[in-house]
Amino acid sequence: MRAVLDAARRGCDLVVVDLPRAVGEGAAEALSRATATLVVVQADVRGTLAAAQTLALLRRHTGDLRMVVREGSIEPDVIAATLGLPCAGLVPESRGLVETLDRGDPPPLGRSPLGRFCSDLLSGLTS
């Protein structure tokens, strides 16, 4: 993981690493080098509880933790207060996204709600 991250940082301005919930050696290495760590939280009781368990592990390995919320039954500010995390964004519902990705097509960005979300998220990470 160390070599892959070094190579990625030399060749790219932004490196995104999608990690599993379990924190093994590779994930710990990536987390220790992260400028910001985003945790995706489903906005319901089950998702918030799962995020709380994951955060207990992540806090040992990384500093700047933020959440990205997938729409649900709980308001993002309630989840932020419960988890003690700032909200980096609310992922909009995107009809047909799973099917689009399953076909191997790129996600619809541009002026779509998902595109605006991605643009805003990236701006927030770089500022």
N, C-alpha and C. Protein backbone atom coordinates (compact mmCIF):
# COMPACT_ATOMS: atom_id res chain seq x y z
N MET A 1 0.83 -1.19 0.00
CA MET A 1 0.00 0.00 0.00
C MET A 1 0.88 1.25 0.00
N ARG A 2 1.94 1.20 0.75
CA ARG A 2 2.85 2.36 0.82
C ARG A 2 3.37 2.73 -0.57
N ALA A 3 3.83 1.74 -1.34
CA ALA A 3 4.38 1.99 -2.67
C ALA A 3 3.31 2.51 -3.63
N VAL A 4 2.12 1.95 -3.55
CA VAL A 4 1.03 2.38 -4.43
C VAL A 4 0.65 3.82 -4.12
N LEU A 5 0.54 4.16 -2.85
CA LEU A 5 0.18 5.53 -2.48
C LEU A 5 1.27 6.52 -2.87
N ASP A 6 2.53 6.13 -2.69
CA ASP A 6 3.64 7.02 -3.10
C ASP A 6 3.58 7.30 -4.60
N ALA A 7 3.36 6.25 -5.38
CA ALA A 7 3.28 6.42 -6.84
C ALA A 7 2.08 7.27 -7.23
N ALA A 8 0.96 7.04 -6.58
CA ALA A 8 -0.25 7.81 -6.89
C ALA A 8 -0.06 9.29 -6.57
N ARG A 9 0.56 9.59 -5.45
CA ARG A 9 0.77 11.00 -5.06
C ARG A 9 1.75 11.69 -5.99
N ARG A 10 2.72 10.95 -6.52
CA ARG A 10 3.66 11.55 -7.47
C ARG A 10 2.98 11.89 -8.78
N GLY A 11 1.99 11.10 -9.17
CA GLY A 11 1.37 11.28 -10.47
C GLY A 11 0.04 12.00 -10.49
N CYS A 12 -0.54 12.26 -9.32
CA CYS A 12 -1.88 12.84 -9.28
C CYS A 12 -2.00 13.92 -8.21
N ASP A 13 -2.86 14.89 -8.47
CA ASP A 13 -3.13 15.93 -7.48
C ASP A 13 -4.07 15.43 -6.38
N LEU A 14 -4.95 14.51 -6.74
CA LEU A 14 -5.92 13.97 -5.80
C LEU A 14 -5.89 12.45 -5.88
N VAL A 15 -5.78 11.82 -4.73
CA VAL A 15 -5.81 10.35 -4.66
C VAL A 15 -6.99 9.97 -3.78
N VAL A 16 -7.88 9.12 -4.31
CA VAL A 16 -9.03 8.64 -3.56
C VAL A 16 -8.85 7.13 -3.34
N VAL A 17 -8.98 6.72 -2.10
CA VAL A 17 -8.84 5.31 -1.76
C VAL A 17 -10.14 4.85 -1.11
N ASP A 18 -10.78 3.85 -1.69
CA ASP A 18 -12.01 3.29 -1.15
C ASP A 18 -11.61 2.12 -0.26
N LEU A 19 -11.85 2.28 1.04
CA LEU A 19 -11.39 1.28 2.00
C LEU A 19 -12.56 0.47 2.58
N PRO A 20 -12.27 -0.75 3.00
CA PRO A 20 -13.31 -1.55 3.67
C PRO A 20 -13.53 -1.06 5.10
N ARG A 21 -14.56 -1.55 5.74
CA ARG A 21 -14.81 -1.16 7.14
C ARG A 21 -13.74 -1.67 8.08
N ALA A 22 -13.21 -2.85 7.79
CA ALA A 22 -12.15 -3.42 8.63
C ALA A 22 -10.85 -2.68 8.35
N VAL A 23 -10.08 -2.42 9.39
CA VAL A 23 -8.83 -1.70 9.22
C VAL A 23 -7.66 -2.66 9.38
N GLY A 24 -7.19 -3.15 8.23
CA GLY A 24 -6.00 -4.00 8.22
C GLY A 24 -4.76 -3.14 8.01
N GLU A 25 -3.63 -3.78 7.74
CA GLU A 25 -2.37 -3.04 7.55
C GLU A 25 -2.45 -2.03 6.41
N GLY A 26 -2.98 -2.45 5.27
CA GLY A 26 -3.07 -1.56 4.11
C GLY A 26 -3.98 -0.37 4.38
N ALA A 27 -5.13 -0.64 4.97
CA ALA A 27 -6.06 0.45 5.28
C ALA A 27 -5.46 1.40 6.30
N ALA A 28 -4.77 0.87 7.31
CA ALA A 28 -4.13 1.72 8.32
C ALA A 28 -3.10 2.64 7.68
N GLU A 29 -2.34 2.11 6.72
CA GLU A 29 -1.35 2.93 6.01
C GLU A 29 -2.03 4.05 5.24
N ALA A 30 -3.09 3.72 4.51
CA ALA A 30 -3.81 4.74 3.74
C ALA A 30 -4.43 5.79 4.66
N LEU A 31 -5.03 5.36 5.75
CA LEU A 31 -5.65 6.29 6.69
C LEU A 31 -4.62 7.22 7.33
N SER A 32 -3.46 6.69 7.65
CA SER A 32 -2.43 7.52 8.30
C SER A 32 -1.91 8.61 7.36
N ARG A 33 -2.03 8.41 6.05
CA ARG A 33 -1.56 9.39 5.07
C ARG A 33 -2.68 10.31 4.57
N ALA A 34 -3.91 10.04 4.95
CA ALA A 34 -5.05 10.78 4.41
C ALA A 34 -5.08 12.22 4.91
N THR A 35 -5.31 13.13 3.99
CA THR A 35 -5.55 14.52 4.35
C THR A 35 -6.93 14.64 4.96
N ALA A 36 -7.89 13.94 4.37
CA ALA A 36 -9.26 13.90 4.88
C ALA A 36 -9.81 12.49 4.67
N THR A 37 -10.58 12.03 5.64
CA THR A 37 -11.21 10.72 5.53
C THR A 37 -12.72 10.93 5.55
N LEU A 38 -13.37 10.47 4.51
CA LEU A 38 -14.82 10.60 4.40
C LEU A 38 -15.49 9.27 4.73
N VAL A 39 -16.51 9.34 5.56
CA VAL A 39 -17.29 8.16 5.92
C VAL A 39 -18.69 8.36 5.36
N VAL A 40 -19.14 7.41 4.54
CA VAL A 40 -20.47 7.49 3.97
C VAL A 40 -21.46 6.92 4.99
N VAL A 41 -22.48 7.71 5.32
CA VAL A 41 -23.45 7.32 6.34
C VAL A 41 -24.85 7.34 5.74
N GLN A 42 -25.54 6.21 5.83
CA GLN A 42 -26.95 6.17 5.44
C GLN A 42 -27.74 6.87 6.54
N ALA A 43 -28.62 7.79 6.17
CA ALA A 43 -29.33 8.62 7.14
C ALA A 43 -30.53 7.88 7.76
N ASP A 44 -30.21 6.81 8.47
CA ASP A 44 -31.22 6.11 9.25
C ASP A 44 -30.54 5.57 10.50
N VAL A 45 -31.31 4.99 11.41
CA VAL A 45 -30.77 4.53 12.69
C VAL A 45 -29.69 3.47 12.47
N ARG A 46 -29.97 2.51 11.64
CA ARG A 46 -29.01 1.43 11.39
C ARG A 46 -27.70 1.96 10.80
N GLY A 47 -27.80 2.87 9.82
CA GLY A 47 -26.62 3.45 9.20
C GLY A 47 -25.80 4.29 10.18
N THR A 48 -26.48 5.03 11.04
CA THR A 48 -25.79 5.85 12.03
C THR A 48 -25.07 4.98 13.05
N LEU A 49 -25.70 3.91 13.49
CA LEU A 49 -25.05 3.00 14.44
C LEU A 49 -23.85 2.31 13.81
N ALA A 50 -23.99 1.89 12.56
CA ALA A 50 -22.86 1.25 11.86
C ALA A 50 -21.71 2.24 11.71
N ALA A 51 -22.02 3.49 11.39
CA ALA A 51 -20.97 4.51 11.26
C ALA A 51 -20.28 4.74 12.59
N ALA A 52 -21.03 4.75 13.69
CA ALA A 52 -20.42 4.95 15.01
C ALA A 52 -19.41 3.85 15.32
N GLN A 53 -19.73 2.63 14.98
CA GLN A 53 -18.80 1.52 15.20
C GLN A 53 -17.56 1.66 14.34
N THR A 54 -17.75 2.03 13.08
CA THR A 54 -16.63 2.21 12.16
C THR A 54 -15.73 3.36 12.61
N LEU A 55 -16.34 4.44 13.08
CA LEU A 55 -15.57 5.60 13.53
C LEU A 55 -14.67 5.28 14.71
N ALA A 56 -15.12 4.40 15.59
CA ALA A 56 -14.29 4.00 16.72
C ALA A 56 -12.96 3.42 16.23
N LEU A 57 -12.99 2.68 15.13
CA LEU A 57 -11.76 2.12 14.55
C LEU A 57 -10.96 3.17 13.80
N LEU A 58 -11.66 3.99 13.00
CA LEU A 58 -10.97 4.96 12.16
C LEU A 58 -10.23 6.03 12.96
N ARG A 59 -10.80 6.45 14.07
CA ARG A 59 -10.19 7.53 14.87
C ARG A 59 -8.80 7.17 15.36
N ARG A 60 -8.50 5.90 15.44
CA ARG A 60 -7.15 5.46 15.87
C ARG A 60 -6.10 5.68 14.79
N HIS A 61 -6.54 5.85 13.53
CA HIS A 61 -5.61 5.87 12.41
C HIS A 61 -5.57 7.16 11.61
N THR A 62 -6.56 8.02 11.77
CA THR A 62 -6.63 9.23 10.94
C THR A 62 -7.18 10.39 11.74
N GLY A 63 -6.90 11.59 11.28
CA GLY A 63 -7.31 12.76 12.03
C GLY A 63 -8.55 13.44 11.50
N ASP A 64 -8.53 13.91 10.28
CA ASP A 64 -9.61 14.72 9.73
C ASP A 64 -10.72 13.82 9.20
N LEU A 65 -11.70 13.56 10.03
CA LEU A 65 -12.84 12.72 9.65
C LEU A 65 -14.04 13.60 9.34
N ARG A 66 -14.71 13.28 8.25
CA ARG A 66 -15.93 13.97 7.84
C ARG A 66 -16.92 12.94 7.35
N MET A 67 -18.19 13.29 7.35
CA MET A 67 -19.18 12.34 6.85
C MET A 67 -19.83 12.88 5.58
N VAL A 68 -20.24 11.94 4.74
CA VAL A 68 -21.04 12.20 3.56
C VAL A 68 -22.32 11.40 3.79
N VAL A 69 -23.46 12.06 3.72
CA VAL A 69 -24.72 11.43 4.09
C VAL A 69 -25.53 11.04 2.86
N ARG A 70 -26.00 9.79 2.88
CA ARG A 70 -26.96 9.32 1.87
C ARG A 70 -28.34 9.53 2.45
N GLU A 71 -29.21 10.13 1.66
CA GLU A 71 -30.54 10.50 2.14
C GLU A 71 -31.27 9.34 2.82
N GLY A 72 -32.04 9.71 3.85
CA GLY A 72 -32.79 8.71 4.60
C GLY A 72 -33.76 9.39 5.54
N SER A 73 -34.08 8.74 6.64
CA SER A 73 -35.12 9.22 7.55
C SER A 73 -34.61 10.16 8.64
N ILE A 74 -33.31 10.32 8.79
CA ILE A 74 -32.75 11.19 9.83
C ILE A 74 -32.06 12.37 9.17
N GLU A 75 -32.24 13.55 9.74
CA GLU A 75 -31.63 14.77 9.20
C GLU A 75 -30.11 14.73 9.39
N PRO A 76 -29.36 15.22 8.42
CA PRO A 76 -27.90 15.21 8.51
C PRO A 76 -27.34 15.91 9.75
N ASP A 77 -27.98 17.00 10.20
CA ASP A 77 -27.47 17.70 11.39
C ASP A 77 -27.62 16.85 12.66
N VAL A 78 -28.64 16.01 12.71
CA VAL A 78 -28.83 15.10 13.84
C VAL A 78 -27.73 14.04 13.83
N ILE A 79 -27.44 13.51 12.66
CA ILE A 79 -26.37 12.51 12.53
C ILE A 79 -25.02 13.13 12.89
N ALA A 80 -24.77 14.34 12.39
CA ALA A 80 -23.50 15.03 12.69
C ALA A 80 -23.33 15.22 14.19
N ALA A 81 -24.38 15.63 14.87
CA ALA A 81 -24.30 15.81 16.32
C ALA A 81 -24.10 14.48 17.04
N THR A 82 -24.77 13.45 16.57
CA THR A 82 -24.66 12.13 17.18
C THR A 82 -23.25 11.56 17.03
N LEU A 83 -22.68 11.70 15.83
CA LEU A 83 -21.36 11.11 15.55
C LEU A 83 -20.21 12.06 15.88
N GLY A 84 -20.50 13.33 16.07
CA GLY A 84 -19.44 14.30 16.34
C GLY A 84 -18.58 14.55 15.11
N LEU A 85 -19.22 14.57 13.93
CA LEU A 85 -18.51 14.77 12.67
C LEU A 85 -19.13 15.91 11.88
N PRO A 86 -18.32 16.67 11.17
CA PRO A 86 -18.90 17.64 10.23
C PRO A 86 -19.42 16.92 9.00
N CYS A 87 -20.46 17.49 8.40
CA CYS A 87 -21.04 16.92 7.19
C CYS A 87 -20.39 17.56 5.97
N ALA A 88 -19.75 16.74 5.15
CA ALA A 88 -19.08 17.23 3.94
C ALA A 88 -20.04 17.30 2.76
N GLY A 89 -21.23 16.72 2.89
CA GLY A 89 -22.19 16.78 1.80
C GLY A 89 -23.29 15.76 1.94
N LEU A 90 -24.36 16.00 1.20
CA LEU A 90 -25.51 15.11 1.16
C LEU A 90 -25.59 14.54 -0.25
N VAL A 91 -25.41 13.23 -0.38
CA VAL A 91 -25.43 12.57 -1.69
C VAL A 91 -26.87 12.55 -2.20
N PRO A 92 -27.10 13.13 -3.37
CA PRO A 92 -28.47 13.14 -3.90
C PRO A 92 -28.86 11.76 -4.43
N GLU A 93 -30.15 11.48 -4.36
CA GLU A 93 -30.67 10.25 -4.94
C GLU A 93 -30.52 10.36 -6.46
N SER A 94 -30.01 9.33 -7.08
CA SER A 94 -29.79 9.36 -8.53
C SER A 94 -30.43 8.13 -9.14
N ARG A 95 -31.61 8.30 -9.72
CA ARG A 95 -32.33 7.18 -10.33
C ARG A 95 -31.51 6.55 -11.44
N GLY A 96 -31.48 5.26 -11.44
CA GLY A 96 -30.81 4.54 -12.51
C GLY A 96 -29.30 4.48 -12.39
N LEU A 97 -28.73 5.02 -11.31
CA LEU A 97 -27.27 5.04 -11.18
C LEU A 97 -26.69 3.63 -11.10
N VAL A 98 -27.31 2.77 -10.32
CA VAL A 98 -26.79 1.41 -10.17
C VAL A 98 -26.78 0.70 -11.52
N GLU A 99 -27.86 0.83 -12.27
CA GLU A 99 -27.95 0.18 -13.57
C GLU A 99 -26.90 0.75 -14.53
N THR A 100 -26.71 2.07 -14.48
CA THR A 100 -25.71 2.72 -15.34
C THR A 100 -24.32 2.18 -15.04
N LEU A 101 -23.98 2.10 -13.76
CA LEU A 101 -22.66 1.61 -13.37
C LEU A 101 -22.51 0.13 -13.69
N ASP A 102 -23.59 -0.65 -13.51
CA ASP A 102 -23.54 -2.08 -13.83
C ASP A 102 -23.28 -2.32 -15.32
N ARG A 103 -23.74 -1.41 -16.18
CA ARG A 103 -23.48 -1.52 -17.62
C ARG A 103 -22.04 -1.13 -17.95
N GLY A 104 -21.36 -0.52 -17.00
CA GLY A 104 -19.99 -0.07 -17.25
C GLY A 104 -19.93 1.34 -17.79
N ASP A 105 -21.06 2.03 -17.79
CA ASP A 105 -21.10 3.41 -18.26
C ASP A 105 -20.68 4.35 -17.13
N PRO A 106 -20.13 5.51 -17.48
CA PRO A 106 -19.76 6.47 -16.44
C PRO A 106 -21.01 7.08 -15.80
N PRO A 107 -20.91 7.52 -14.56
CA PRO A 107 -22.08 8.14 -13.91
C PRO A 107 -22.42 9.46 -14.60
N PRO A 108 -23.69 9.82 -14.57
CA PRO A 108 -24.12 11.09 -15.19
C PRO A 108 -23.69 12.26 -14.30
N LEU A 109 -22.70 12.99 -14.72
CA LEU A 109 -22.23 14.11 -13.91
C LEU A 109 -22.67 15.41 -14.57
N GLY A 110 -21.75 16.26 -14.96
CA GLY A 110 -22.13 17.52 -15.59
C GLY A 110 -23.00 18.35 -14.69
N ARG A 111 -24.17 18.71 -15.18
CA ARG A 111 -25.08 19.57 -14.42
C ARG A 111 -26.09 18.79 -13.60
N SER A 112 -25.91 17.51 -13.47
CA SER A 112 -26.84 16.68 -12.70
C SER A 112 -26.64 16.95 -11.20
N PRO A 113 -27.61 16.57 -10.37
CA PRO A 113 -27.44 16.73 -8.92
C PRO A 113 -26.19 16.00 -8.41
N LEU A 114 -25.90 14.82 -8.98
CA LEU A 114 -24.70 14.08 -8.57
C LEU A 114 -23.44 14.84 -8.98
N GLY A 115 -23.46 15.41 -10.16
CA GLY A 115 -22.31 16.19 -10.63
C GLY A 115 -22.06 17.41 -9.75
N ARG A 116 -23.13 18.11 -9.38
CA ARG A 116 -22.98 19.27 -8.49
C ARG A 116 -22.46 18.85 -7.13
N PHE A 117 -22.98 17.72 -6.62
CA PHE A 117 -22.49 17.20 -5.34
C PHE A 117 -20.99 16.92 -5.40
N CYS A 118 -20.55 16.24 -6.46
CA CYS A 118 -19.12 15.91 -6.61
C CYS A 118 -18.27 17.16 -6.69
N SER A 119 -18.72 18.12 -7.45
CA SER A 119 -17.99 19.38 -7.60
C SER A 119 -17.88 20.11 -6.26
N ASP A 120 -18.98 20.20 -5.53
CA ASP A 120 -18.98 20.85 -4.23
C ASP A 120 -18.11 20.11 -3.23
N LEU A 121 -18.17 18.78 -3.26
CA LEU A 121 -17.36 17.98 -2.35
C LEU A 121 -15.87 18.20 -2.61
N LEU A 122 -15.47 18.16 -3.87
CA LEU A 122 -14.07 18.38 -4.20
C LEU A 122 -13.61 19.78 -3.83
N SER A 123 -14.47 20.76 -4.04
CA SER A 123 -14.11 22.14 -3.67
C SER A 123 -13.90 22.24 -2.16
N GLY A 124 -14.76 21.58 -1.39
CA GLY A 124 -14.63 21.59 0.07
C GLY A 124 -13.38 20.89 0.57
N LEU A 125 -12.93 19.89 -0.16
CA LEU A 125 -11.73 19.17 0.25
C LEU A 125 -10.47 19.95 -0.06
N THR A 126 -10.49 20.75 -1.11
CA THR A 126 -9.29 21.46 -1.52
C THR A 126 -9.18 22.85 -0.92
N SER A 127 -10.23 23.32 -0.25
CA SER A 127 -10.16 24.65 0.36
C SER A 127 -9.77 24.61 1.81
